[in-house]
Amino acid sequence: MGKKSHGLRVGSGRKLRKRVREKGVRIRKFLQEFEIGQSVHIKIESSSHRGMPHPRFHGKTGEVIGRRGDAYIVKIRDGGKQKTIISSPEHLIIQK
Protein backbone atom coordinates (compact mmCIF):
# COMPACT_ATOMS: atom_id res chain seq x y z
CA MET A 1 0.00 0.00 0.00
CA GLY A 2 1.37 3.42 -0.99
CA LYS A 3 1.85 6.45 1.21
CA LYS A 4 -0.66 9.30 1.18
CA SER A 5 0.35 12.30 -0.91
CA HIS A 6 1.05 15.54 0.96
CA GLY A 7 1.07 17.97 -1.96
CA LEU A 8 0.87 21.76 -2.00
CA ARG A 9 -2.93 21.93 -1.88
CA VAL A 10 -3.61 19.18 0.66
CA GLY A 11 -5.90 20.35 3.47
CA SER A 12 -6.72 23.67 1.81
CA GLY A 13 -10.02 22.70 0.15
CA ARG A 14 -12.15 24.99 2.29
CA LYS A 15 -9.83 27.95 1.73
CA LEU A 16 -9.61 27.48 -2.06
CA ARG A 17 -13.24 26.48 -2.68
CA LYS A 18 -15.31 28.62 -5.02
CA ARG A 19 -18.93 29.28 -4.26
CA VAL A 20 -21.58 29.32 -6.99
CA ARG A 21 -21.62 33.09 -7.54
CA GLU A 22 -17.80 33.30 -7.55
CA LYS A 23 -17.37 30.94 -10.50
CA GLY A 24 -16.24 32.39 -13.80
CA VAL A 25 -13.14 34.55 -13.78
CA ARG A 26 -13.23 38.05 -15.23
CA ILE A 27 -10.41 38.78 -17.66
CA ARG A 28 -9.60 42.09 -15.94
CA LYS A 29 -8.21 40.17 -12.94
CA PHE A 30 -5.49 38.73 -15.16
CA LEU A 31 -4.69 42.09 -16.78
CA GLN A 32 -4.55 44.32 -13.71
CA GLU A 33 -1.40 46.34 -13.07
CA PHE A 34 0.18 47.39 -9.79
CA GLU A 35 2.64 50.15 -8.97
CA ILE A 36 5.81 49.54 -6.94
CA GLY A 37 5.11 50.48 -3.32
CA GLN A 38 1.38 49.77 -3.61
CA SER A 39 -0.27 47.80 -0.80
CA VAL A 40 -2.06 44.59 -1.90
CA HIS A 41 -3.97 41.68 -0.37
CA ILE A 42 -3.18 38.10 -1.37
CA LYS A 43 -6.43 36.35 -2.32
CA ILE A 44 -5.82 33.12 -4.22
CA GLU A 45 -7.80 32.60 -7.42
CA SER A 46 -8.14 28.82 -7.24
CA SER A 47 -9.11 28.39 -10.91
CA SER A 48 -5.67 29.63 -11.99
CA HIS A 49 -2.73 27.53 -10.80
CA ARG A 50 -0.14 29.62 -12.66
CA GLY A 51 1.82 31.88 -10.31
CA MET A 52 -0.24 30.84 -7.29
CA PRO A 53 1.34 31.61 -3.89
CA HIS A 54 1.27 29.01 -1.14
CA PRO A 55 -2.15 28.79 0.56
CA ARG A 56 -0.62 29.76 3.93
CA PHE A 57 -0.26 33.31 2.56
CA HIS A 58 -3.95 33.60 1.58
CA GLY A 59 -5.40 36.66 3.32
CA LYS A 60 -2.06 38.36 4.04
CA THR A 61 -1.35 41.97 3.11
CA GLY A 62 1.93 43.13 1.65
CA GLU A 63 3.70 45.68 -0.48
CA VAL A 64 4.68 45.31 -4.15
CA ILE A 65 8.46 45.69 -4.40
CA GLY A 66 9.05 44.70 -8.02
CA ARG A 67 8.17 42.63 -11.06
CA ARG A 68 9.47 39.35 -12.37
CA GLY A 69 8.16 38.79 -15.88
CA ASP A 70 4.35 39.02 -15.69
CA ALA A 71 4.37 38.33 -11.94
CA TYR A 72 4.83 40.68 -9.00
CA ILE A 73 7.17 40.39 -6.04
CA VAL A 74 5.31 41.12 -2.80
CA LYS A 75 6.97 41.68 0.59
CA ILE A 76 4.90 40.43 3.53
CA ARG A 77 5.41 39.98 7.24
CA ASP A 78 4.93 36.39 8.43
CA GLY A 79 5.34 36.08 12.18
CA GLY A 80 8.49 38.03 12.98
CA LYS A 81 10.06 37.64 9.55
CA GLN A 82 9.94 39.52 6.26
CA LYS A 83 9.18 37.22 3.31
CA THR A 84 8.94 37.77 -0.43
CA ILE A 85 6.19 36.13 -2.46
CA ILE A 86 6.16 35.88 -6.25
CA SER A 87 2.57 35.96 -7.47
CA SER A 88 0.62 36.48 -10.67
CA PRO A 89 -1.74 39.47 -10.72
CA GLU A 90 -4.93 37.39 -10.56
CA HIS A 91 -4.03 36.39 -6.99
CA LEU A 92 -3.62 40.00 -5.80
CA ILE A 93 -6.21 42.64 -4.85
CA ILE A 94 -5.58 46.35 -4.30
CA GLN A 95 -5.94 47.31 -0.64
CA LYS A 96 -8.31 50.23 -0.20
PDB file of N, CA and C in Angstrom:
ATOM      1  N   MET A   1       0.843  -1.175   0.000  1.00  0.00           N
ATOM      2  CA  MET A   1       0.000   0.000   0.000  1.00  0.00           C
ATOM      3  C   MET A   1       0.894   1.245   0.000  1.00  0.00           C
ATOM      4  N   GLY A   2       0.554   2.210  -0.854  1.00  0.00           N
ATOM      5  CA  GLY A   2       1.373   3.418  -0.985  1.00  0.00           C
ATOM      6  C   GLY A   2       1.092   4.444   0.101  1.00  0.00           C
ATOM      7  N   LYS A   3       2.008   5.389   0.227  1.00  0.00           N
ATOM      8  CA  LYS A   3       1.846   6.453   1.210  1.00  0.00           C
ATOM      9  C   LYS A   3       0.909   7.526   0.659  1.00  0.00           C
ATOM     10  N   LYS A   4       0.236   8.217   1.572  1.00  0.00           N
ATOM     11  CA  LYS A   4      -0.658   9.295   1.184  1.00  0.00           C
ATOM     12  C   LYS A   4       0.158  10.486   0.691  1.00  0.00           C
ATOM     13  N   SER A   5      -0.325  11.123  -0.368  1.00  0.00           N
ATOM     14  CA  SER A   5       0.348  12.300  -0.906  1.00  0.00           C
ATOM     15  C   SER A   5       0.126  13.498   0.008  1.00  0.00           C
ATOM     16  N   HIS A   6       1.154  14.306   0.183  1.00  0.00           N
ATOM     17  CA  HIS A   6       1.054  15.535   0.956  1.00  0.00           C
ATOM     18  C   HIS A   6       1.499  16.685   0.061  1.00  0.00           C
ATOM     19  N   GLY A   7       0.715  16.948  -0.982  1.00  0.00           N
ATOM     20  CA  GLY A   7       1.066  17.973  -1.957  1.00  0.00           C
ATOM     21  C   GLY A   7       0.801  19.381  -1.452  1.00  0.00           C
ATOM     22  N   LEU A   8       0.994  20.351  -2.331  1.00  0.00           N
ATOM     23  CA  LEU A   8       0.870  21.765  -1.995  1.00  0.00           C
ATOM     24  C   LEU A   8      -0.537  22.131  -1.548  1.00  0.00           C
ATOM     25  N   ARG A   9      -1.556  21.526  -2.154  1.00  0.00           N
ATOM     26  CA  ARG A   9      -2.931  21.932  -1.880  1.00  0.00           C
ATOM     27  C   ARG A   9      -3.665  21.002  -0.916  1.00  0.00           C
ATOM     28  N   VAL A  10      -2.958  20.098  -0.268  1.00  0.00           N
ATOM     29  CA  VAL A  10      -3.613  19.179   0.657  1.00  0.00           C
ATOM     30  C   VAL A  10      -4.099  19.959   1.886  1.00  0.00           C
ATOM     31  N   GLY A  11      -5.330  19.721   2.290  1.00  0.00           N
ATOM     32  CA  GLY A  11      -5.896  20.355   3.473  1.00  0.00           C
ATOM     33  C   GLY A  11      -6.348  21.784   3.273  1.00  0.00           C
ATOM     34  N   SER A  12      -6.333  22.282   2.038  1.00  0.00           N
ATOM     35  CA  SER A  12      -6.724  23.671   1.811  1.00  0.00           C
ATOM     36  C   SER A  12      -7.998  23.765   0.977  1.00  0.00           C
ATOM     37  N   GLY A  13      -8.800  22.724   0.967  1.00  0.00           N
ATOM     38  CA  GLY A  13     -10.023  22.703   0.151  1.00  0.00           C
ATOM     39  C   GLY A  13     -11.026  23.751   0.560  1.00  0.00           C
ATOM     40  N   ARG A  14     -11.181  23.985   1.838  1.00  0.00           N
ATOM     41  CA  ARG A  14     -12.147  24.989   2.291  1.00  0.00           C
ATOM     42  C   ARG A  14     -11.675  26.397   1.931  1.00  0.00           C
ATOM     43  N   LYS A  15     -10.385  26.633   2.030  1.00  0.00           N
ATOM     44  CA  LYS A  15      -9.828  27.946   1.732  1.00  0.00           C
ATOM     45  C   LYS A  15      -9.893  28.266   0.235  1.00  0.00           C
ATOM     46  N   LEU A  16      -9.682  27.256  -0.618  1.00  0.00           N
ATOM     47  CA  LEU A  16      -9.608  27.480  -2.059  1.00  0.00           C
ATOM     48  C   LEU A  16     -10.905  27.156  -2.794  1.00  0.00           C
ATOM     49  N   ARG A  17     -11.948  26.822  -2.073  1.00  0.00           N
ATOM     50  CA  ARG A  17     -13.237  26.478  -2.684  1.00  0.00           C
ATOM     51  C   ARG A  17     -13.874  27.727  -3.289  1.00  0.00           C
ATOM     52  N   LYS A  18     -14.564  27.522  -4.403  1.00  0.00           N
ATOM     53  CA  LYS A  18     -15.314  28.623  -5.017  1.00  0.00           C
ATOM     54  C   LYS A  18     -16.794  28.366  -4.825  1.00  0.00           C
ATOM     55  N   ARG A  19     -17.495  29.393  -4.409  1.00  0.00           N
ATOM     56  CA  ARG A  19     -18.932  29.279  -4.261  1.00  0.00           C
ATOM     57  C   ARG A  19     -19.604  29.549  -5.605  1.00  0.00           C
ATOM     58  N   VAL A  20     -20.890  29.272  -5.707  1.00  0.00           N
ATOM     59  CA  VAL A  20     -21.580  29.323  -6.986  1.00  0.00           C
ATOM     60  C   VAL A  20     -21.458  30.686  -7.658  1.00  0.00           C
ATOM     61  N   ARG A  21     -21.645  31.762  -6.930  1.00  0.00           N
ATOM     62  CA  ARG A  21     -21.618  33.089  -7.538  1.00  0.00           C
ATOM     63  C   ARG A  21     -20.203  33.604  -7.782  1.00  0.00           C
ATOM     64  N   GLU A  22     -19.198  32.887  -7.323  1.00  0.00           N
ATOM     65  CA  GLU A  22     -17.804  33.296  -7.552  1.00  0.00           C
ATOM     66  C   GLU A  22     -17.206  32.631  -8.785  1.00  0.00           C
ATOM     67  N   LYS A  23     -17.925  31.669  -9.361  1.00  0.00           N
ATOM     68  CA  LYS A  23     -17.368  30.940 -10.498  1.00  0.00           C
ATOM     69  C   LYS A  23     -17.361  31.812 -11.743  1.00  0.00           C
ATOM     70  N   GLY A  24     -16.397  31.583 -12.604  1.00  0.00           N
ATOM     71  CA  GLY A  24     -16.245  32.385 -13.802  1.00  0.00           C
ATOM     72  C   GLY A  24     -15.332  33.559 -13.514  1.00  0.00           C
ATOM     73  N   VAL A  25     -14.134  33.527 -14.067  1.00  0.00           N
ATOM     74  CA  VAL A  25     -13.136  34.551 -13.779  1.00  0.00           C
ATOM     75  C   VAL A  25     -13.257  35.679 -14.796  1.00  0.00           C
ATOM     76  N   ARG A  26     -13.208  36.905 -14.334  1.00  0.00           N
ATOM     77  CA  ARG A  26     -13.228  38.052 -15.233  1.00  0.00           C
ATOM     78  C   ARG A  26     -11.811  38.293 -15.758  1.00  0.00           C
ATOM     79  N   ILE A  27     -11.719  38.624 -17.018  1.00  0.00           N
ATOM     80  CA  ILE A  27     -10.412  38.783 -17.661  1.00  0.00           C
ATOM     81  C   ILE A  27      -9.623  39.938 -17.054  1.00  0.00           C
ATOM     82  N   ARG A  28     -10.313  40.942 -16.491  1.00  0.00           N
ATOM     83  CA  ARG A  28      -9.602  42.088 -15.943  1.00  0.00           C
ATOM     84  C   ARG A  28      -8.748  41.725 -14.737  1.00  0.00           C
ATOM     85  N   LYS A  29      -9.058  40.610 -14.051  1.00  0.00           N
ATOM     86  CA  LYS A  29      -8.214  40.172 -12.935  1.00  0.00           C
ATOM     87  C   LYS A  29      -6.825  39.766 -13.422  1.00  0.00           C
ATOM     88  N   PHE A  30      -6.768  39.192 -14.619  1.00  0.00           N
ATOM     89  CA  PHE A  30      -5.491  38.732 -15.163  1.00  0.00           C
ATOM     90  C   PHE A  30      -4.683  39.883 -15.753  1.00  0.00           C
ATOM     91  N   LEU A  31      -5.358  40.978 -16.111  1.00  0.00           N
ATOM     92  CA  LEU A  31      -4.691  42.087 -16.783  1.00  0.00           C
ATOM     93  C   LEU A  31      -4.401  43.268 -15.869  1.00  0.00           C
ATOM     94  N   GLN A  32      -4.740  43.170 -14.589  1.00  0.00           N
ATOM     95  CA  GLN A  32      -4.549  44.319 -13.706  1.00  0.00           C
ATOM     96  C   GLN A  32      -3.068  44.600 -13.474  1.00  0.00           C
ATOM     97  N   GLU A  33      -2.773  45.878 -13.270  1.00  0.00           N
ATOM     98  CA  GLU A  33      -1.402  46.343 -13.073  1.00  0.00           C
ATOM     99  C   GLU A  33      -1.276  46.952 -11.689  1.00  0.00           C
ATOM    100  N   PHE A  34      -0.092  46.836 -11.104  1.00  0.00           N
ATOM    101  CA  PHE A  34       0.184  47.393  -9.786  1.00  0.00           C
ATOM    102  C   PHE A  34       1.444  48.244  -9.861  1.00  0.00           C
ATOM    103  N   GLU A  35       1.479  49.286  -9.061  1.00  0.00           N
ATOM    104  CA  GLU A  35       2.645  50.153  -8.968  1.00  0.00           C
ATOM    105  C   GLU A  35       3.570  49.634  -7.861  1.00  0.00           C
ATOM    106  N   ILE A  36       4.862  49.902  -7.988  1.00  0.00           N
ATOM    107  CA  ILE A  36       5.809  49.536  -6.941  1.00  0.00           C
ATOM    108  C   ILE A  36       5.522  50.404  -5.720  1.00  0.00           C
ATOM    109  N   GLY A  37       5.439  49.782  -4.549  1.00  0.00           N
ATOM    110  CA  GLY A  37       5.113  50.477  -3.319  1.00  0.00           C
ATOM    111  C   GLY A  37       3.639  50.408  -2.962  1.00  0.00           C
ATOM    112  N   GLN A  38       2.819  49.862  -3.863  1.00  0.00           N
ATOM    113  CA  GLN A  38       1.382  49.769  -3.615  1.00  0.00           C
ATOM    114  C   GLN A  38       1.091  48.621  -2.650  1.00  0.00           C
ATOM    115  N   SER A  39       0.107  48.814  -1.775  1.00  0.00           N
ATOM    116  CA  SER A  39      -0.274  47.799  -0.803  1.00  0.00           C
ATOM    117  C   SER A  39      -1.335  46.880  -1.413  1.00  0.00           C
ATOM    118  N   VAL A  40      -1.146  45.554  -1.297  1.00  0.00           N
ATOM    119  CA  VAL A  40      -2.060  44.586  -1.902  1.00  0.00           C
ATOM    120  C   VAL A  40      -2.397  43.473  -0.910  1.00  0.00           C
ATOM    121  N   HIS A  41      -3.561  42.874  -1.109  1.00  0.00           N
ATOM    122  CA  HIS A  41      -3.966  41.679  -0.371  1.00  0.00           C
ATOM    123  C   HIS A  41      -3.698  40.468  -1.256  1.00  0.00           C
ATOM    124  N   ILE A  42      -3.341  39.354  -0.639  1.00  0.00           N
ATOM    125  CA  ILE A  42      -3.181  38.102  -1.375  1.00  0.00           C
ATOM    126  C   ILE A  42      -4.474  37.312  -1.212  1.00  0.00           C
ATOM    127  N   LYS A  43      -5.197  37.142  -2.316  1.00  0.00           N
ATOM    128  CA  LYS A  43      -6.428  36.353  -2.320  1.00  0.00           C
ATOM    129  C   LYS A  43      -6.300  35.385  -3.488  1.00  0.00           C
ATOM    130  N   ILE A  44      -6.120  34.110  -3.196  1.00  0.00           N
ATOM    131  CA  ILE A  44      -5.816  33.121  -4.220  1.00  0.00           C
ATOM    132  C   ILE A  44      -7.032  32.874  -5.108  1.00  0.00           C
ATOM    133  N   GLU A  45      -6.797  32.952  -6.417  1.00  0.00           N
ATOM    134  CA  GLU A  45      -7.799  32.600  -7.422  1.00  0.00           C
ATOM    135  C   GLU A  45      -7.566  31.130  -7.752  1.00  0.00           C
ATOM    136  N   SER A  46      -8.403  30.254  -7.184  1.00  0.00           N
ATOM    137  CA  SER A  46      -8.136  28.820  -7.245  1.00  0.00           C
ATOM    138  C   SER A  46      -8.296  28.230  -8.641  1.00  0.00           C
ATOM    139  N   SER A  47      -8.954  28.928  -9.563  1.00  0.00           N
ATOM    140  CA  SER A  47      -9.114  28.393 -10.914  1.00  0.00           C
ATOM    141  C   SER A  47      -7.860  28.594 -11.753  1.00  0.00           C
ATOM    142  N   SER A  48      -6.918  29.393 -11.282  1.00  0.00           N
ATOM    143  CA  SER A  48      -5.670  29.628 -11.994  1.00  0.00           C
ATOM    144  C   SER A  48      -4.514  29.132 -11.128  1.00  0.00           C
ATOM    145  N   HIS A  49      -3.826  28.096 -11.582  1.00  0.00           N
ATOM    146  CA  HIS A  49      -2.727  27.532 -10.804  1.00  0.00           C
ATOM    147  C   HIS A  49      -1.407  28.221 -11.115  1.00  0.00           C
ATOM    148  N   ARG A  50      -1.364  28.957 -12.215  1.00  0.00           N
ATOM    149  CA  ARG A  50      -0.141  29.618 -12.658  1.00  0.00           C
ATOM    150  C   ARG A  50       0.196  30.775 -11.722  1.00  0.00           C
ATOM    151  N   GLY A  51       1.372  30.782 -11.149  1.00  0.00           N
ATOM    152  CA  GLY A  51       1.818  31.879 -10.310  1.00  0.00           C
ATOM    153  C   GLY A  51       1.079  31.967  -8.982  1.00  0.00           C
ATOM    154  N   MET A  52       0.550  30.837  -8.517  1.00  0.00           N
ATOM    155  CA  MET A  52      -0.236  30.836  -7.287  1.00  0.00           C
ATOM    156  C   MET A  52       0.689  30.773  -6.075  1.00  0.00           C
ATOM    157  N   PRO A  53       0.537  31.693  -5.107  1.00  0.00           N
ATOM    158  CA  PRO A  53       1.344  31.605  -3.888  1.00  0.00           C
ATOM    159  C   PRO A  53       0.860  30.456  -3.010  1.00  0.00           C
ATOM    160  N   HIS A  54       1.649  30.089  -2.040  1.00  0.00           N
ATOM    161  CA  HIS A  54       1.274  29.005  -1.136  1.00  0.00           C
ATOM    162  C   HIS A  54       0.018  29.394  -0.364  1.00  0.00           C
ATOM    163  N   PRO A  55      -0.906  28.457  -0.147  1.00  0.00           N
ATOM    164  CA  PRO A  55      -2.153  28.785   0.558  1.00  0.00           C
ATOM    165  C   PRO A  55      -1.964  29.366   1.957  1.00  0.00           C
ATOM    166  N   ARG A  56      -0.812  29.179   2.591  1.00  0.00           N
ATOM    167  CA  ARG A  56      -0.617  29.755   3.927  1.00  0.00           C
ATOM    168  C   ARG A  56      -0.565  31.287   3.878  1.00  0.00           C
ATOM    169  N   PHE A  57      -0.327  31.864   2.690  1.00  0.00           N
ATOM    170  CA  PHE A  57      -0.256  33.312   2.565  1.00  0.00           C
ATOM    171  C   PHE A  57      -1.582  33.931   2.137  1.00  0.00           C
ATOM    172  N   HIS A  58      -2.625  33.117   1.953  1.00  0.00           N
ATOM    173  CA  HIS A  58      -3.952  33.604   1.580  1.00  0.00           C
ATOM    174  C   HIS A  58      -4.487  34.513   2.693  1.00  0.00           C
ATOM    175  N   GLY A  59      -4.877  35.727   2.340  1.00  0.00           N
ATOM    176  CA  GLY A  59      -5.405  36.665   3.323  1.00  0.00           C
ATOM    177  C   GLY A  59      -4.373  37.626   3.882  1.00  0.00           C
ATOM    178  N   LYS A  60      -3.111  37.456   3.549  1.00  0.00           N
ATOM    179  CA  LYS A  60      -2.062  38.359   4.041  1.00  0.00           C
ATOM    180  C   LYS A  60      -2.028  39.634   3.209  1.00  0.00           C
ATOM    181  N   THR A  61      -1.503  40.682   3.785  1.00  0.00           N
ATOM    182  CA  THR A  61      -1.351  41.969   3.108  1.00  0.00           C
ATOM    183  C   THR A  61       0.123  42.289   3.005  1.00  0.00           C
ATOM    184  N   GLY A  62       0.531  42.800   1.851  1.00  0.00           N
ATOM    185  CA  GLY A  62       1.931  43.130   1.651  1.00  0.00           C
ATOM    186  C   GLY A  62       2.103  44.315   0.731  1.00  0.00           C
ATOM    187  N   GLU A  63       3.351  44.551   0.358  1.00  0.00           N
ATOM    188  CA  GLU A  63       3.702  45.682  -0.482  1.00  0.00           C
ATOM    189  C   GLU A  63       4.418  45.174  -1.727  1.00  0.00           C
ATOM    190  N   VAL A  64       4.037  45.691  -2.889  1.00  0.00           N
ATOM    191  CA  VAL A  64       4.677  45.314  -4.149  1.00  0.00           C
ATOM    192  C   VAL A  64       6.053  45.974  -4.187  1.00  0.00           C
ATOM    193  N   ILE A  65       7.097  45.144  -4.363  1.00  0.00           N
ATOM    194  CA  ILE A  65       8.460  45.689  -4.397  1.00  0.00           C
ATOM    195  C   ILE A  65       9.133  45.526  -5.755  1.00  0.00           C
ATOM    196  N   GLY A  66       8.457  44.854  -6.693  1.00  0.00           N
ATOM    197  CA  GLY A  66       9.047  44.702  -8.017  1.00  0.00           C
ATOM    198  C   GLY A  66       8.246  43.765  -8.891  1.00  0.00           C
ATOM    199  N   ARG A  67       8.785  43.552 -10.103  1.00  0.00           N
ATOM    200  CA  ARG A  67       8.167  42.633 -11.058  1.00  0.00           C
ATOM    201  C   ARG A  67       9.170  41.566 -11.451  1.00  0.00           C
ATOM    202  N   ARG A  68       8.651  40.419 -11.821  1.00  0.00           N
ATOM    203  CA  ARG A  68       9.470  39.352 -12.375  1.00  0.00           C
ATOM    204  C   ARG A  68       8.678  38.752 -13.518  1.00  0.00           C
ATOM    205  N   GLY A  69       8.957  39.202 -14.729  1.00  0.00           N
ATOM    206  CA  GLY A  69       8.163  38.795 -15.881  1.00  0.00           C
ATOM    207  C   GLY A  69       6.772  39.399 -15.758  1.00  0.00           C
ATOM    208  N   ASP A  70       5.725  38.553 -15.848  1.00  0.00           N
ATOM    209  CA  ASP A  70       4.353  39.019 -15.691  1.00  0.00           C
ATOM    210  C   ASP A  70       3.931  39.035 -14.231  1.00  0.00           C
ATOM    211  N   ALA A  71       4.724  38.442 -13.355  1.00  0.00           N
ATOM    212  CA  ALA A  71       4.366  38.328 -11.941  1.00  0.00           C
ATOM    213  C   ALA A  71       4.904  39.510 -11.143  1.00  0.00           C
ATOM    214  N   TYR A  72       4.407  39.616  -9.910  1.00  0.00           N
ATOM    215  CA  TYR A  72       4.826  40.675  -8.998  1.00  0.00           C
ATOM    216  C   TYR A  72       5.518  40.077  -7.785  1.00  0.00           C
ATOM    217  N   ILE A  73       6.489  40.792  -7.259  1.00  0.00           N
ATOM    218  CA  ILE A  73       7.173  40.386  -6.040  1.00  0.00           C
ATOM    219  C   ILE A  73       6.558  41.188  -4.906  1.00  0.00           C
ATOM    220  N   VAL A  74       6.014  40.483  -3.909  1.00  0.00           N
ATOM    221  CA  VAL A  74       5.309  41.115  -2.802  1.00  0.00           C
ATOM    222  C   VAL A  74       6.053  40.812  -1.513  1.00  0.00           C
ATOM    223  N   LYS A  75       6.315  41.843  -0.710  1.00  0.00           N
ATOM    224  CA  LYS A  75       6.971  41.681   0.586  1.00  0.00           C
ATOM    225  C   LYS A  75       5.880  41.631   1.650  1.00  0.00           C
ATOM    226  N   ILE A  76       5.884  40.556   2.457  1.00  0.00           N
ATOM    227  CA  ILE A  76       4.896  40.425   3.528  1.00  0.00           C
ATOM    228  C   ILE A  76       5.622  40.164   4.840  1.00  0.00           C
ATOM    229  N   ARG A  77       4.888  40.300   5.917  1.00  0.00           N
ATOM    230  CA  ARG A  77       5.407  39.980   7.242  1.00  0.00           C
ATOM    231  C   ARG A  77       4.703  38.711   7.703  1.00  0.00           C
ATOM    232  N   ASP A  78       5.478  37.674   8.000  1.00  0.00           N
ATOM    233  CA  ASP A  78       4.929  36.391   8.435  1.00  0.00           C
ATOM    234  C   ASP A  78       5.558  36.056   9.789  1.00  0.00           C
ATOM    235  N   GLY A  79       4.779  36.232  10.842  1.00  0.00           N
ATOM    236  CA  GLY A  79       5.342  36.078  12.175  1.00  0.00           C
ATOM    237  C   GLY A  79       6.272  37.243  12.435  1.00  0.00           C
ATOM    238  N   GLY A  80       7.522  36.969  12.758  1.00  0.00           N
ATOM    239  CA  GLY A  80       8.494  38.033  12.981  1.00  0.00           C
ATOM    240  C   GLY A  80       9.436  38.222  11.819  1.00  0.00           C
ATOM    241  N   LYS A  81       9.141  37.607  10.673  1.00  0.00           N
ATOM    242  CA  LYS A  81      10.062  37.637   9.547  1.00  0.00           C
ATOM    243  C   LYS A  81       9.463  38.353   8.349  1.00  0.00           C
ATOM    244  N   GLN A  82      10.335  38.953   7.540  1.00  0.00           N
ATOM    245  CA  GLN A  82       9.941  39.515   6.255  1.00  0.00           C
ATOM    246  C   GLN A  82      10.112  38.425   5.202  1.00  0.00           C
ATOM    247  N   LYS A  83       9.101  38.223   4.372  1.00  0.00           N
ATOM    248  CA  LYS A  83       9.181  37.220   3.310  1.00  0.00           C
ATOM    249  C   LYS A  83       8.787  37.855   1.990  1.00  0.00           C
ATOM    250  N   THR A  84       9.322  37.304   0.897  1.00  0.00           N
ATOM    251  CA  THR A  84       8.943  37.770  -0.428  1.00  0.00           C
ATOM    252  C   THR A  84       8.176  36.663  -1.131  1.00  0.00           C
ATOM    253  N   ILE A  85       7.069  37.051  -1.739  1.00  0.00           N
ATOM    254  CA  ILE A  85       6.190  36.133  -2.458  1.00  0.00           C
ATOM    255  C   ILE A  85       6.185  36.558  -3.918  1.00  0.00           C
ATOM    256  N   ILE A  86       6.292  35.601  -4.830  1.00  0.00           N
ATOM    257  CA  ILE A  86       6.163  35.883  -6.253  1.00  0.00           C
ATOM    258  C   ILE A  86       4.789  35.379  -6.669  1.00  0.00           C
ATOM    259  N   SER A  87       3.954  36.292  -7.180  1.00  0.00           N
ATOM    260  CA  SER A  87       2.569  35.955  -7.472  1.00  0.00           C
ATOM    261  C   SER A  87       2.107  36.606  -8.761  1.00  0.00           C
ATOM    262  N   SER A  88       1.251  35.903  -9.487  1.00  0.00           N
ATOM    263  CA  SER A  88       0.618  36.475 -10.671  1.00  0.00           C
ATOM    264  C   SER A  88      -0.448  37.478 -10.242  1.00  0.00           C
ATOM    265  N   PRO A  89      -0.807  38.417 -11.118  1.00  0.00           N
ATOM    266  CA  PRO A  89      -1.740  39.472 -10.723  1.00  0.00           C
ATOM    267  C   PRO A  89      -3.140  38.998 -10.379  1.00  0.00           C
ATOM    268  N   GLU A  90      -3.571  37.848 -10.874  1.00  0.00           N
ATOM    269  CA  GLU A  90      -4.927  37.386 -10.559  1.00  0.00           C
ATOM    270  C   GLU A  90      -5.089  36.973  -9.112  1.00  0.00           C
ATOM    271  N   HIS A  91      -3.990  36.780  -8.393  1.00  0.00           N
ATOM    272  CA  HIS A  91      -4.030  36.392  -6.990  1.00  0.00           C
ATOM    273  C   HIS A  91      -3.859  37.590  -6.050  1.00  0.00           C
ATOM    274  N   LEU A  92      -3.821  38.799  -6.603  1.00  0.00           N
ATOM    275  CA  LEU A  92      -3.621  40.000  -5.804  1.00  0.00           C
ATOM    276  C   LEU A  92      -4.811  40.948  -5.955  1.00  0.00           C
ATOM    277  N   ILE A  93      -5.126  41.658  -4.868  1.00  0.00           N
ATOM    278  CA  ILE A  93      -6.211  42.638  -4.853  1.00  0.00           C
ATOM    279  C   ILE A  93      -5.662  43.923  -4.249  1.00  0.00           C
ATOM    280  N   ILE A  94      -6.025  45.056  -4.830  1.00  0.00           N
ATOM    281  CA  ILE A  94      -5.584  46.348  -4.300  1.00  0.00           C
ATOM    282  C   ILE A  94      -6.226  46.593  -2.952  1.00  0.00           C
ATOM    283  N   GLN A  95      -5.412  46.973  -1.960  1.00  0.00           N
ATOM    284  CA  GLN A  95      -5.938  47.312  -0.637  1.00  0.00           C
ATOM    285  C   GLN A  95      -6.481  48.725  -0.682  1.00  0.00           C
ATOM    286  N   LYS A  96      -7.685  48.909  -0.167  1.00  0.00           N
ATOM    287  CA  LYS A  96      -8.309  50.230  -0.195  1.00  0.00           C
ATOM    288  C   LYS A  96      -8.213  50.909   1.130  1.00  0.00           C
TER     289      LYS A  96
END
